[in-house]
Amino acid sequence: MFITLEGIEGSGKTTQVRSIVEFLQSKGHTCEATREPGGTRIGKKIRALLLDPESSDMDPMAELLLYTADRVQHVKQFIMPLLSAGKTVLCDRYYDATVVYQGYARGLDIGLIRSLHKLILKDLKPDITILLDLPPAKGLARAWKQINNGSRTGVESRFEKETLAFHEKVRSGYLELARLEPERFRVIDASKSENQVRKEILSILSSFLMHP
């Protein structure tokens, strides 16, 4: 089973990962958590480049191809071997993030992004995608609070430094994808407390395990 978490900066994805893994393991699933970009040794180097604030002049097409390169390595080295072994993979961001950040927000051709994915990764899709949705102003305020108090690193703040309008486009893109694929997406109000969000995620996963 392949599960992904999506959402804008500050939506709380990373915070929820451990609880989800523990829940799935309690249900008898061998679960491995990972993230994009940076789920492999090579991916970590690509992540450093992509999220470095000093990369602010990166061309959108270069950005797209770096994310794609990270994903190719990640899927072939990590995700597919685990799925083939019957294990569950939980990924903090995946292909949908590229569609919304580089497509909806940067303005690159979404058809091109989809074609790249289909060509290179055989259109590997998650079984279920949980979208943590909240207003970008609230998400960015959370993210900067974490950066300023040291619980999140400032060396990966390139996207936090994007305009509010950029993040509004990202959010709209995510909600549009969820509208187009309601059978795969589950949308949660991430402006609620961490505990409330956790309960909703685990309830959704519990139902999904019973009726996949």
C-alpha atoms as a PDB file:
ATOM      1  CA  MET A   1       0.000   0.000   0.000  1.00  0.00           C
ATOM      2  CA  PHE A   2       1.258   3.439  -0.979  1.00  0.00           C
ATOM      3  CA  ILE A   3       0.068   6.420   1.102  1.00  0.00           C
ATOM      4  CA  THR A   4       1.027  10.046   0.529  1.00  0.00           C
ATOM      5  CA  LEU A   5       0.650  13.209   2.582  1.00  0.00           C
ATOM      6  CA  GLU A   6       0.304  16.530   0.773  1.00  0.00           C
ATOM      7  CA  GLY A   7      -0.191  20.147   1.778  1.00  0.00           C
ATOM      8  CA  ILE A   8       1.316  23.606   1.748  1.00  0.00           C
ATOM      9  CA  GLU A   9       4.143  24.782   4.028  1.00  0.00           C
ATOM     10  CA  GLY A  10       3.100  24.673   7.676  1.00  0.00           C
ATOM     11  CA  SER A  11       0.222  22.247   7.136  1.00  0.00           C
ATOM     12  CA  GLY A  12       1.682  19.778   9.644  1.00  0.00           C
ATOM     13  CA  LYS A  13       2.493  16.815   7.403  1.00  0.00           C
ATOM     14  CA  THR A  14       5.838  15.964   8.968  1.00  0.00           C
ATOM     15  CA  THR A  15       4.345  16.210  12.471  1.00  0.00           C
ATOM     16  CA  GLN A  16       1.782  13.500  11.675  1.00  0.00           C
ATOM     17  CA  VAL A  17       4.125  10.942  10.099  1.00  0.00           C
ATOM     18  CA  ARG A  18       5.146   9.123  13.284  1.00  0.00           C
ATOM     19  CA  SER A  19       1.543   8.685  14.472  1.00  0.00           C
ATOM     20  CA  ILE A  20       0.504   7.267  11.106  1.00  0.00           C
ATOM     21  CA  VAL A  21       3.385   4.779  11.062  1.00  0.00           C
ATOM     22  CA  GLU A  22       2.576   3.649  14.611  1.00  0.00           C
ATOM     23  CA  PHE A  23      -1.111   3.261  13.726  1.00  0.00           C
ATOM     24  CA  LEU A  24      -0.410   1.206  10.607  1.00  0.00           C
ATOM     25  CA  GLN A  25       2.050  -1.008  12.448  1.00  0.00           C
ATOM     26  CA  SER A  26      -0.563  -1.606  15.149  1.00  0.00           C
ATOM     27  CA  LYS A  27      -2.846  -2.867  12.365  1.00  0.00           C
ATOM     28  CA  GLY A  28      -0.218  -5.359  11.204  1.00  0.00           C
ATOM     29  CA  HIS A  29       1.296  -3.381   8.337  1.00  0.00           C
ATOM     30  CA  THR A  30       5.068  -3.154   7.958  1.00  0.00           C
ATOM     31  CA  CYS A  31       5.341   0.562   7.218  1.00  0.00           C
ATOM     32  CA  GLU A  32       8.294   2.684   6.092  1.00  0.00           C
ATOM     33  CA  ALA A  33       8.136   6.492   6.100  1.00  0.00           C
ATOM     34  CA  THR A  34       9.977   8.630   3.589  1.00  0.00           C
ATOM     35  CA  ARG A  35       9.816  12.083   1.993  1.00  0.00           C
ATOM     36  CA  GLU A  36      10.335  14.022  -1.203  1.00  0.00           C
ATOM     37  CA  PRO A  37      12.641  15.491  -2.078  1.00  0.00           C
ATOM     38  CA  GLY A  38      15.445  13.718  -0.225  1.00  0.00           C
ATOM     39  CA  GLY A  39      14.358  10.134   0.354  1.00  0.00           C
ATOM     40  CA  THR A  40      17.669   8.696  -0.854  1.00  0.00           C
ATOM     41  CA  ARG A  41      21.362   9.527  -0.503  1.00  0.00           C
ATOM     42  CA  ILE A  42      21.383  11.180  -3.922  1.00  0.00           C
ATOM     43  CA  GLY A  43      18.018  12.777  -3.194  1.00  0.00           C
ATOM     44  CA  LYS A  44      19.388  14.502  -0.094  1.00  0.00           C
ATOM     45  CA  LYS A  45      21.866  16.380  -2.297  1.00  0.00           C
ATOM     46  CA  ILE A  46      19.104  17.351  -4.721  1.00  0.00           C
ATOM     47  CA  ARG A  47      16.927  18.473  -1.779  1.00  0.00           C
ATOM     48  CA  ALA A  48      19.696  20.740  -0.460  1.00  0.00           C
ATOM     49  CA  LEU A  49      19.862  22.470  -3.837  1.00  0.00           C
ATOM     50  CA  LEU A  50      16.086  22.754  -4.313  1.00  0.00           C
ATOM     51  CA  LEU A  51      15.268  24.142  -0.869  1.00  0.00           C
ATOM     52  CA  ASP A  52      18.293  26.443  -0.440  1.00  0.00           C
ATOM     53  CA  PRO A  53      17.094  30.085  -0.308  1.00  0.00           C
ATOM     54  CA  GLU A  54      20.155  30.978  -2.407  1.00  0.00           C
ATOM     55  CA  SER A  55      18.594  28.969  -5.272  1.00  0.00           C
ATOM     56  CA  SER A  56      15.939  31.680  -5.701  1.00  0.00           C
ATOM     57  CA  ASP A  57      16.996  32.285  -9.313  1.00  0.00           C
ATOM     58  CA  MET A  58      16.466  28.658 -10.335  1.00  0.00           C
ATOM     59  CA  ASP A  59      14.595  28.322 -13.625  1.00  0.00           C
ATOM     60  CA  PRO A  60      11.187  26.591 -13.193  1.00  0.00           C
ATOM     61  CA  MET A  61      12.088  23.950 -15.798  1.00  0.00           C
ATOM     62  CA  ALA A  62      15.360  23.184 -14.023  1.00  0.00           C
ATOM     63  CA  GLU A  63      13.364  22.923 -10.784  1.00  0.00           C
ATOM     64  CA  LEU A  64      10.909  20.492 -12.403  1.00  0.00           C
ATOM     65  CA  LEU A  65      13.680  18.276 -13.742  1.00  0.00           C
ATOM     66  CA  LEU A  66      15.493  18.204 -10.400  1.00  0.00           C
ATOM     67  CA  TYR A  67      12.308  17.117  -8.636  1.00  0.00           C
ATOM     68  CA  THR A  68      11.789  14.486 -11.324  1.00  0.00           C
ATOM     69  CA  ALA A  69      15.376  13.240 -10.947  1.00  0.00           C
ATOM     70  CA  ASP A  70      14.895  12.970  -7.180  1.00  0.00           C
ATOM     71  CA  ARG A  71      11.685  10.997  -7.712  1.00  0.00           C
ATOM     72  CA  VAL A  72      13.177   8.564 -10.223  1.00  0.00           C
ATOM     73  CA  GLN A  73      15.933   7.677  -7.759  1.00  0.00           C
ATOM     74  CA  HIS A  74      13.479   7.506  -4.871  1.00  0.00           C
ATOM     75  CA  VAL A  75      10.941   5.269  -6.605  1.00  0.00           C
ATOM     76  CA  LYS A  76      13.479   2.869  -8.067  1.00  0.00           C
ATOM     77  CA  GLN A  77      15.774   2.643  -5.039  1.00  0.00           C
ATOM     78  CA  PHE A  78      13.276   2.880  -2.180  1.00  0.00           C
ATOM     79  CA  ILE A  79       9.542   2.916  -2.933  1.00  0.00           C
ATOM     80  CA  MET A  80       9.168   0.131  -5.517  1.00  0.00           C
ATOM     81  CA  PRO A  81      11.370  -2.429  -3.724  1.00  0.00           C
ATOM     82  CA  LEU A  82       9.296  -1.968  -0.556  1.00  0.00           C
ATOM     83  CA  LEU A  83       5.941  -2.119  -2.349  1.00  0.00           C
ATOM     84  CA  SER A  84       7.103  -5.203  -4.262  1.00  0.00           C
ATOM     85  CA  ALA A  85       7.956  -6.832  -0.918  1.00  0.00           C
ATOM     86  CA  GLY A  86       4.390  -6.241   0.271  1.00  0.00           C
ATOM     87  CA  LYS A  87       5.254  -3.393   2.623  1.00  0.00           C
ATOM     88  CA  THR A  88       3.419  -0.100   3.130  1.00  0.00           C
ATOM     89  CA  VAL A  89       5.134   3.148   2.157  1.00  0.00           C
ATOM     90  CA  LEU A  90       4.132   6.511   3.663  1.00  0.00           C
ATOM     91  CA  CYS A  91       5.575   9.446   1.719  1.00  0.00           C
ATOM     92  CA  ASP A  92       5.618  13.096   2.809  1.00  0.00           C
ATOM     93  CA  ARG A  93       4.924  14.690  -0.627  1.00  0.00           C
ATOM     94  CA  TYR A  94       5.014  12.938  -3.979  1.00  0.00           C
ATOM     95  CA  TYR A  95       3.975  13.582  -7.566  1.00  0.00           C
ATOM     96  CA  ASP A  96       0.961  15.788  -6.708  1.00  0.00           C
ATOM     97  CA  ALA A  97       3.320  18.336  -5.151  1.00  0.00           C
ATOM     98  CA  THR A  98       5.125  18.691  -8.482  1.00  0.00           C
ATOM     99  CA  VAL A  99       1.855  19.186 -10.354  1.00  0.00           C
ATOM    100  CA  VAL A 100       0.767  21.994  -8.028  1.00  0.00           C
ATOM    101  CA  TYR A 101       4.089  23.724  -7.280  1.00  0.00           C
ATOM    102  CA  GLN A 102       5.669  23.565 -10.732  1.00  0.00           C
ATOM    103  CA  GLY A 103       2.404  23.356 -12.708  1.00  0.00           C
ATOM    104  CA  TYR A 104      -0.353  25.386 -11.072  1.00  0.00           C
ATOM    105  CA  ALA A 105       1.961  27.805  -9.219  1.00  0.00           C
ATOM    106  CA  ARG A 106       4.995  28.141 -11.535  1.00  0.00           C
ATOM    107  CA  GLY A 107       2.916  27.907 -14.701  1.00  0.00           C
ATOM    108  CA  LEU A 108       4.685  25.004 -16.401  1.00  0.00           C
ATOM    109  CA  ASP A 109       2.588  22.807 -18.673  1.00  0.00           C
ATOM    110  CA  ILE A 110       0.740  20.271 -16.534  1.00  0.00           C
ATOM    111  CA  GLY A 111       0.450  17.925 -19.510  1.00  0.00           C
ATOM    112  CA  LEU A 112       4.242  17.891 -19.755  1.00  0.00           C
ATOM    113  CA  ILE A 113       4.562  17.125 -16.031  1.00  0.00           C
ATOM    114  CA  ARG A 114       2.087  14.240 -16.332  1.00  0.00           C
ATOM    115  CA  SER A 115       3.844  12.913 -19.435  1.00  0.00           C
ATOM    116  CA  LEU A 116       7.220  12.923 -17.668  1.00  0.00           C
ATOM    117  CA  HIS A 117       5.765  11.010 -14.755  1.00  0.00           C
ATOM    118  CA  LYS A 118       4.076   8.435 -16.974  1.00  0.00           C
ATOM    119  CA  LEU A 119       7.178   7.962 -19.118  1.00  0.00           C
ATOM    120  CA  ILE A 120       9.664   7.550 -16.279  1.00  0.00           C
ATOM    121  CA  LEU A 121       7.644   6.019 -13.442  1.00  0.00           C
ATOM    122  CA  LYS A 122       4.915   4.038 -15.244  1.00  0.00           C
ATOM    123  CA  ASP A 123       2.333   6.361 -13.640  1.00  0.00           C
ATOM    124  CA  LEU A 124       2.831   4.916 -10.126  1.00  0.00           C
ATOM    125  CA  LYS A 125       0.041   6.464  -8.049  1.00  0.00           C
ATOM    126  CA  PRO A 126      -0.698   6.354  -4.321  1.00  0.00           C
ATOM    127  CA  ASP A 127      -3.583   4.211  -3.113  1.00  0.00           C
ATOM    128  CA  ILE A 128      -4.712   7.097  -0.922  1.00  0.00           C
ATOM    129  CA  THR A 129      -3.563  10.711  -0.588  1.00  0.00           C
ATOM    130  CA  ILE A 130      -4.301  12.773   2.508  1.00  0.00           C
ATOM    131  CA  LEU A 131      -4.352  16.501   1.807  1.00  0.00           C
ATOM    132  CA  LEU A 132      -3.854  18.741   4.831  1.00  0.00           C
ATOM    133  CA  ASP A 133      -5.550  21.964   3.770  1.00  0.00           C
ATOM    134  CA  LEU A 134      -5.409  25.370   5.426  1.00  0.00           C
ATOM    135  CA  PRO A 135      -5.166  29.056   4.431  1.00  0.00           C
ATOM    136  CA  PRO A 136      -1.630  29.852   3.225  1.00  0.00           C
ATOM    137  CA  ALA A 137      -1.247  32.834   5.554  1.00  0.00           C
ATOM    138  CA  LYS A 138      -1.819  30.540   8.532  1.00  0.00           C
ATOM    139  CA  GLY A 139       0.479  27.826   7.168  1.00  0.00           C
ATOM    140  CA  LEU A 140       3.309  30.272   6.473  1.00  0.00           C
ATOM    141  CA  ALA A 141       2.952  31.827   9.930  1.00  0.00           C
ATOM    142  CA  ARG A 142       3.330  28.345  11.450  1.00  0.00           C
ATOM    143  CA  ALA A 143       6.329  27.539   9.233  1.00  0.00           C
ATOM    144  CA  TRP A 144       8.165  30.766  10.093  1.00  0.00           C
ATOM    145  CA  LYS A 145       7.452  30.297  13.791  1.00  0.00           C
ATOM    146  CA  GLN A 146       9.115  26.863  13.572  1.00  0.00           C
ATOM    147  CA  ILE A 147      12.075  28.276  11.647  1.00  0.00           C
ATOM    148  CA  ASN A 148      12.514  31.138  14.107  1.00  0.00           C
ATOM    149  CA  ASN A 149      12.317  28.916  17.196  1.00  0.00           C
ATOM    150  CA  GLY A 150      14.800  26.435  15.715  1.00  0.00           C
ATOM    151  CA  SER A 151      12.443  23.458  15.415  1.00  0.00           C
ATOM    152  CA  ARG A 152      12.754  23.711  11.628  1.00  0.00           C
ATOM    153  CA  THR A 153      15.861  24.569   9.661  1.00  0.00           C
ATOM    154  CA  GLY A 154      16.191  27.900   7.884  1.00  0.00           C
ATOM    155  CA  VAL A 155      18.551  26.465   5.273  1.00  0.00           C
ATOM    156  CA  GLU A 156      15.500  24.855   3.587  1.00  0.00           C
ATOM    157  CA  SER A 157      13.296  27.943   3.461  1.00  0.00           C
ATOM    158  CA  ARG A 158      13.238  28.753  -0.267  1.00  0.00           C
ATOM    159  CA  PHE A 159       9.523  28.039  -0.637  1.00  0.00           C
ATOM    160  CA  GLU A 160       8.604  29.766   2.622  1.00  0.00           C
ATOM    161  CA  LYS A 161      10.100  32.900   1.058  1.00  0.00           C
ATOM    162  CA  GLU A 162       7.738  32.748  -1.929  1.00  0.00           C
ATOM    163  CA  THR A 163       4.874  35.267  -2.083  1.00  0.00           C
ATOM    164  CA  LEU A 164       1.491  34.657  -0.488  1.00  0.00           C
ATOM    165  CA  ALA A 165      -0.003  34.714  -4.006  1.00  0.00           C
ATOM    166  CA  PHE A 166       2.274  31.797  -4.970  1.00  0.00           C
ATOM    167  CA  HIS A 167       1.058  29.745  -2.004  1.00  0.00           C
ATOM    168  CA  GLU A 168      -2.577  30.608  -2.813  1.00  0.00           C
ATOM    169  CA  LYS A 169      -2.004  29.072  -6.261  1.00  0.00           C
ATOM    170  CA  VAL A 170      -0.467  25.971  -4.633  1.00  0.00           C
ATOM    171  CA  ARG A 171      -3.474  25.562  -2.358  1.00  0.00           C
ATOM    172  CA  SER A 172      -5.926  26.061  -5.232  1.00  0.00           C
ATOM    173  CA  GLY A 173      -4.004  23.494  -7.264  1.00  0.00           C
ATOM    174  CA  TYR A 174      -4.196  20.923  -4.492  1.00  0.00           C
ATOM    175  CA  LEU A 175      -7.939  21.457  -4.042  1.00  0.00           C
ATOM    176  CA  GLU A 176      -8.451  21.122  -7.797  1.00  0.00           C
ATOM    177  CA  LEU A 177      -6.565  17.801  -7.842  1.00  0.00           C
ATOM    178  CA  ALA A 178      -8.686  16.593  -4.917  1.00  0.00           C
ATOM    179  CA  ARG A 179     -11.831  17.598  -6.838  1.00  0.00           C
ATOM    180  CA  LEU A 180     -10.649  15.714  -9.938  1.00  0.00           C
ATOM    181  CA  GLU A 181      -9.736  12.516  -8.013  1.00  0.00           C
ATOM    182  CA  PRO A 182     -12.169  12.241  -5.090  1.00  0.00           C
ATOM    183  CA  GLU A 183     -11.675   8.474  -4.895  1.00  0.00           C
ATOM    184  CA  ARG A 184      -7.979   8.924  -4.033  1.00  0.00           C
ATOM    185  CA  PHE A 185      -7.891  12.175  -2.068  1.00  0.00           C
ATOM    186  CA  ARG A 186      -9.124  12.815   1.454  1.00  0.00           C
ATOM    187  CA  VAL A 187      -9.084  16.489   2.495  1.00  0.00           C
ATOM    188  CA  ILE A 188      -8.595  17.450   6.140  1.00  0.00           C
ATOM    189  CA  ASP A 189      -8.915  20.907   7.698  1.00  0.00           C
ATOM    190  CA  ALA A 190      -5.340  21.377   8.926  1.00  0.00           C
ATOM    191  CA  SER A 191      -6.155  24.633  10.712  1.00  0.00           C
ATOM    192  CA  LYS A 192      -7.505  22.469  13.567  1.00  0.00           C
ATOM    193  CA  SER A 193      -5.295  21.383  16.459  1.00  0.00           C
ATOM    194  CA  GLU A 194      -2.569  18.814  15.922  1.00  0.00           C
ATOM    195  CA  ASN A 195      -4.532  16.279  17.949  1.00  0.00           C
ATOM    196  CA  GLN A 196      -7.782  16.856  16.026  1.00  0.00           C
ATOM    197  CA  VAL A 197      -5.963  16.470  12.717  1.00  0.00           C
ATOM    198  CA  ARG A 198      -4.315  13.259  13.927  1.00  0.00           C
ATOM    199  CA  LYS A 199      -7.683  11.787  14.940  1.00  0.00           C
ATOM    200  CA  GLU A 200      -9.172  12.598  11.533  1.00  0.00           C
ATOM    201  CA  ILE A 201      -6.225  11.064   9.673  1.00  0.00           C
ATOM    202  CA  LEU A 202      -6.357   7.845  11.700  1.00  0.00           C
ATOM    203  CA  SER A 203     -10.137   7.637  11.261  1.00  0.00           C
ATOM    204  CA  ILE A 204      -9.761   8.004   7.490  1.00  0.00           C
ATOM    205  CA  LEU A 205      -7.025   5.364   7.364  1.00  0.00           C
ATOM    206  CA  SER A 206      -9.045   3.010   9.557  1.00  0.00           C
ATOM    207  CA  SER A 207     -11.994   3.245   7.156  1.00  0.00           C
ATOM    208  CA  PHE A 208      -9.715   2.855   4.146  1.00  0.00           C
ATOM    209  CA  LEU A 209      -8.128  -0.312   5.543  1.00  0.00           C
ATOM    210  CA  MET A 210     -11.595  -1.791   6.009  1.00  0.00           C
ATOM    211  CA  HIS A 211     -12.844  -0.715   2.547  1.00  0.00           C
ATOM    212  CA  PRO A 212      -9.827  -0.018   0.302  1.00  0.00           C
END
